N, C-alpha and C. Protein backbone atom coordinates (compact mmCIF):
# COMPACT_ATOMS: atom_id res chain seq x y z
N MET A 1 14.06 6.66 5.62
CA MET A 1 13.05 5.32 4.94
C MET A 1 13.79 4.20 4.99
N ARG A 2 13.10 3.24 5.69
CA ARG A 2 13.43 1.72 5.38
C ARG A 2 12.94 1.08 4.37
N ASP A 3 14.36 0.30 3.75
CA ASP A 3 13.61 -0.50 2.64
C ASP A 3 13.34 -2.02 2.79
N ILE A 4 12.27 -2.36 2.36
CA ILE A 4 11.89 -3.49 2.67
C ILE A 4 12.03 -4.09 1.21
N ALA A 5 13.20 -5.71 1.49
CA ALA A 5 13.59 -5.97 -0.03
C ALA A 5 13.57 -7.33 -0.07
N THR A 6 12.77 -7.84 0.83
CA THR A 6 12.52 -9.25 0.82
C THR A 6 11.08 -9.49 0.81
N SER A 7 10.64 -10.58 0.27
CA SER A 7 9.11 -10.92 0.09
C SER A 7 8.70 -11.69 1.18
N PRO A 8 8.10 -11.11 2.01
CA PRO A 8 7.21 -11.79 3.20
C PRO A 8 6.14 -12.76 2.76
N ALA A 9 5.69 -13.49 3.84
CA ALA A 9 5.01 -14.74 3.58
C ALA A 9 3.88 -14.39 4.18
N GLY A 10 2.84 -14.00 3.35
CA GLY A 10 1.74 -13.27 3.71
C GLY A 10 1.38 -12.15 4.05
N ASP A 11 0.49 -11.72 4.98
CA ASP A 11 0.32 -10.28 5.00
C ASP A 11 1.45 -9.52 5.61
N LEU A 12 1.41 -8.26 5.38
CA LEU A 12 2.37 -7.42 5.94
C LEU A 12 1.79 -6.18 6.37
N THR A 13 2.56 -5.85 7.82
CA THR A 13 1.88 -4.70 8.25
C THR A 13 2.99 -3.85 8.27
N VAL A 14 3.08 -2.40 7.98
CA VAL A 14 4.18 -1.29 7.80
C VAL A 14 3.68 -0.36 8.96
N THR A 15 4.76 -0.38 9.80
CA THR A 15 4.42 0.52 11.09
C THR A 15 5.31 1.74 11.26
N ASP A 16 6.14 1.88 10.18
CA ASP A 16 7.30 3.03 10.00
C ASP A 16 7.40 3.52 8.69
N THR A 17 8.38 4.21 8.33
CA THR A 17 8.49 5.00 7.22
C THR A 17 9.02 4.11 6.30
N ALA A 18 8.60 3.82 4.96
CA ALA A 18 9.42 2.45 4.28
C ALA A 18 9.09 2.36 2.83
N ARG A 19 10.07 1.61 2.44
CA ARG A 19 9.60 1.27 0.66
C ARG A 19 9.96 0.20 0.78
N ILE A 20 8.35 -0.25 -0.30
CA ILE A 20 8.87 -1.88 -0.42
C ILE A 20 9.36 -1.73 -2.09
N MET A 21 10.44 -2.60 -2.06
CA MET A 21 11.14 -2.68 -3.29
C MET A 21 10.56 -3.25 -4.48
N ARG A 22 11.06 -2.75 -5.66
CA ARG A 22 10.40 -3.38 -6.77
C ARG A 22 10.16 -4.85 -7.05
N ASP A 23 11.18 -5.79 -6.55
CA ASP A 23 11.18 -7.09 -6.74
C ASP A 23 10.66 -7.89 -5.79
N VAL A 24 9.97 -7.07 -4.96
CA VAL A 24 9.31 -7.84 -3.63
C VAL A 24 7.60 -7.82 -4.23
N VAL A 25 7.22 -8.96 -3.66
CA VAL A 25 6.06 -9.45 -3.81
C VAL A 25 5.23 -9.58 -2.45
N VAL A 26 4.10 -8.95 -2.29
CA VAL A 26 3.34 -9.34 -1.00
C VAL A 26 2.27 -10.31 -1.30
N THR A 27 2.62 -11.44 -0.62
CA THR A 27 1.17 -12.45 -1.31
C THR A 27 -0.07 -12.77 -0.44
N GLY A 28 -0.01 -11.43 0.63
CA GLY A 28 -1.11 -11.03 1.11
C GLY A 28 -1.54 -10.04 1.06
N ASP A 29 -2.50 -9.55 2.07
CA ASP A 29 -3.05 -8.05 2.51
C ASP A 29 -1.61 -7.19 3.19
N LEU A 30 -1.57 -5.81 2.52
CA LEU A 30 -0.57 -4.93 2.89
C LEU A 30 -1.50 -3.99 3.80
N TYR A 31 -0.77 -3.33 5.10
CA TYR A 31 -1.58 -2.65 5.60
C TYR A 31 -0.63 -1.52 6.10
N ALA A 32 -0.89 -0.31 5.33
CA ALA A 32 -0.27 0.89 6.07
C ALA A 32 -0.97 1.42 7.08
N VAL A 33 -0.20 1.66 8.33
CA VAL A 33 -0.87 1.77 9.79
C VAL A 33 -1.25 3.49 9.73
N ALA A 34 -1.85 3.85 10.54
CA ALA A 34 -2.39 5.32 10.55
C ALA A 34 -0.84 5.86 10.74
N GLY A 35 -0.47 7.33 9.94
CA GLY A 35 0.22 8.04 9.92
C GLY A 35 1.63 7.58 9.46
N VAL A 36 1.73 6.58 8.65
CA VAL A 36 2.94 6.37 8.26
C VAL A 36 3.20 6.54 6.59
N ARG A 37 4.46 6.67 6.23
CA ARG A 37 4.70 7.13 4.94
C ARG A 37 5.20 5.71 4.25
N LEU A 38 4.45 5.34 3.22
CA LEU A 38 4.93 4.18 2.42
C LEU A 38 5.13 4.43 0.91
N VAL A 39 6.07 4.04 0.49
CA VAL A 39 6.04 3.55 -0.95
C VAL A 39 6.36 2.41 -1.64
N VAL A 40 5.40 1.81 -2.34
CA VAL A 40 4.96 0.76 -2.95
C VAL A 40 5.64 0.92 -4.42
N ASP A 41 6.82 -0.14 -4.53
CA ASP A 41 7.44 0.08 -5.70
C ASP A 41 6.98 -1.52 -6.40
N GLY A 42 6.81 -2.39 -5.45
CA GLY A 42 6.65 -3.93 -5.90
C GLY A 42 5.25 -4.38 -5.98
N THR A 43 4.93 -5.56 -5.91
CA THR A 43 3.59 -6.07 -5.92
C THR A 43 3.00 -6.61 -4.90
N VAL A 44 1.46 -6.31 -4.76
CA VAL A 44 0.69 -6.63 -3.87
C VAL A 44 -0.21 -7.64 -4.30
N THR A 45 -0.63 -9.19 -4.13
CA THR A 45 -1.17 -9.87 -4.60
C THR A 45 -2.62 -9.86 -3.95
N GLY A 46 -2.59 -9.18 -2.79
CA GLY A 46 -3.99 -8.96 -1.80
C GLY A 46 -4.51 -7.55 -2.01
N ASP A 47 -5.46 -6.98 -0.76
CA ASP A 47 -5.85 -5.56 -0.75
C ASP A 47 -4.71 -4.93 0.20
N LEU A 48 -4.81 -3.67 -0.27
CA LEU A 48 -4.04 -2.75 0.64
C LEU A 48 -5.17 -1.81 1.28
N HIS A 49 -4.95 -1.74 2.67
CA HIS A 49 -5.59 -1.12 3.70
C HIS A 49 -4.70 0.09 4.20
N VAL A 50 -5.11 1.27 4.08
CA VAL A 50 -4.46 2.62 4.39
C VAL A 50 -5.07 3.31 5.50
N GLY A 51 -4.51 3.57 6.75
CA GLY A 51 -4.76 3.76 7.81
C GLY A 51 -5.14 5.76 7.80
N HIS A 52 -5.84 5.71 8.66
CA HIS A 52 -5.97 7.17 8.79
C HIS A 52 -4.89 8.15 8.76
N GLY A 53 -4.52 9.22 7.89
CA GLY A 53 -3.18 9.82 7.79
C GLY A 53 -2.22 9.29 7.28
N ALA A 54 -1.83 8.20 6.78
CA ALA A 54 -1.29 7.31 6.23
C ALA A 54 -1.00 8.05 4.63
N ASP A 55 0.30 7.88 4.51
CA ASP A 55 0.53 8.35 3.04
C ASP A 55 1.33 7.42 2.09
N VAL A 56 0.38 6.90 1.24
CA VAL A 56 0.85 5.57 0.46
C VAL A 56 1.37 6.12 -1.09
N THR A 57 2.22 5.81 -1.96
CA THR A 57 2.63 5.98 -3.16
C THR A 57 2.71 4.94 -3.52
N LEU A 58 2.03 4.55 -4.78
CA LEU A 58 1.87 3.33 -5.50
C LEU A 58 2.33 3.37 -6.55
N ASN A 59 3.70 2.98 -6.93
CA ASN A 59 4.62 2.96 -8.14
C ASN A 59 4.07 1.37 -8.75
N GLY A 60 4.13 0.54 -7.88
CA GLY A 60 4.02 -1.02 -8.43
C GLY A 60 2.56 -1.28 -8.64
N GLN A 61 2.22 -2.26 -8.11
CA GLN A 61 0.49 -2.81 -8.21
C GLN A 61 0.12 -3.56 -7.13
N ILE A 62 -1.64 -3.25 -7.43
CA ILE A 62 -2.19 -4.26 -6.30
C ILE A 62 -3.02 -4.97 -7.01
N SER A 63 -3.38 -6.26 -6.86
CA SER A 63 -4.22 -7.15 -7.50
C SER A 63 -5.48 -7.01 -6.52
N GLY A 64 -5.70 -6.78 -5.35
CA GLY A 64 -6.84 -6.86 -5.02
C GLY A 64 -7.59 -5.39 -4.59
N THR A 65 -8.09 -5.19 -3.64
CA THR A 65 -9.02 -3.91 -3.21
C THR A 65 -8.06 -2.89 -2.92
N LEU A 66 -8.84 -1.57 -2.83
CA LEU A 66 -7.81 -0.54 -1.85
C LEU A 66 -9.11 -0.13 -0.84
N HIS A 67 -8.33 -0.27 0.31
CA HIS A 67 -9.06 0.30 1.23
C HIS A 67 -9.10 1.70 2.11
N ASN A 68 -9.30 2.45 1.76
CA ASN A 68 -8.98 3.66 2.75
C ASN A 68 -9.86 3.92 3.61
N ALA A 69 -8.99 4.16 4.92
CA ALA A 69 -9.64 4.79 6.01
C ALA A 69 -9.29 5.95 6.45
N GLY A 70 -9.03 6.99 5.65
CA GLY A 70 -8.88 8.18 5.88
C GLY A 70 -7.11 8.70 5.54
N GLY A 71 -6.72 7.87 4.17
CA GLY A 71 -5.29 8.26 4.24
C GLY A 71 -4.95 8.79 2.92
N ARG A 72 -3.99 9.06 2.24
CA ARG A 72 -3.46 9.81 1.34
C ARG A 72 -2.92 8.71 0.17
N VAL A 73 -3.49 8.34 -1.06
CA VAL A 73 -3.06 7.64 -1.75
C VAL A 73 -2.80 7.97 -3.24
N THR A 74 -1.41 7.86 -3.85
CA THR A 74 -1.20 8.64 -5.03
C THR A 74 -0.43 7.48 -5.54
N GLY A 75 -0.16 7.66 -6.96
CA GLY A 75 0.80 6.88 -7.71
C GLY A 75 0.12 6.26 -9.22
N VAL A 76 1.26 5.64 -9.95
CA VAL A 76 0.70 5.58 -11.29
C VAL A 76 0.29 3.67 -10.92
N GLY A 77 0.48 3.18 -10.11
CA GLY A 77 -0.33 1.62 -9.91
C GLY A 77 -1.45 1.61 -9.70
N LEU A 78 -2.29 2.93 -9.84
CA LEU A 78 -3.73 2.80 -9.39
C LEU A 78 -4.72 2.64 -10.59
N ARG A 79 -4.22 2.26 -11.92
CA ARG A 79 -4.96 2.21 -12.96
C ARG A 79 -6.03 1.08 -13.02
N GLY A 80 -7.25 1.41 -13.24
CA GLY A 80 -8.17 0.39 -12.62
C GLY A 80 -8.84 0.74 -11.74
N THR A 81 -8.36 1.50 -10.90
CA THR A 81 -8.93 1.60 -9.52
C THR A 81 -9.85 3.18 -9.72
N ASP A 82 -11.26 2.82 -9.02
CA ASP A 82 -12.36 4.01 -9.49
C ASP A 82 -11.84 5.18 -8.41
N ASP A 83 -11.96 6.45 -8.95
CA ASP A 83 -11.91 7.62 -7.89
C ASP A 83 -12.16 7.42 -6.55
N ALA A 84 -13.57 6.69 -6.19
CA ALA A 84 -14.00 6.70 -5.12
C ALA A 84 -13.07 5.69 -3.96
N SER A 85 -12.79 4.96 -4.59
CA SER A 85 -11.59 4.17 -3.70
C SER A 85 -10.32 4.99 -3.33
N LEU A 86 -9.91 6.01 -3.84
CA LEU A 86 -9.01 6.64 -3.25
C LEU A 86 -9.50 7.70 -2.32
N ARG A 87 -10.71 8.17 -1.84
CA ARG A 87 -11.40 8.86 -1.13
C ARG A 87 -11.65 7.89 0.10
N PRO A 88 -11.19 8.59 1.44
CA PRO A 88 -11.35 7.94 2.80
C PRO A 88 -12.81 7.36 2.82
N ALA A 89 -13.27 6.35 3.47
CA ALA A 89 -14.38 5.65 3.84
C ALA A 89 -15.03 6.98 4.64
N ALA A 90 -16.43 6.92 4.44
CA ALA A 90 -17.37 7.63 5.24
C ALA A 90 -17.59 7.60 6.43
């Protein structure tokens, strides 16, 4: 698993298995593309986009909206997120 330890400027697209470390702040949207495994320990100030078959564990927090296109999303950072946003879009 690759560690992302520096805060990117703007949006971030993850295309491989990775962990966003606790002190990292993604100041735009975060995209987990189809089939990737991603652990988010940091903060996302934008939206989280989860691709089909992606597996995202959210231990940090997101300020924006969760967009699930057929992936799996779990974690403690989901407080305040309604159950409907955890299910894939129809």
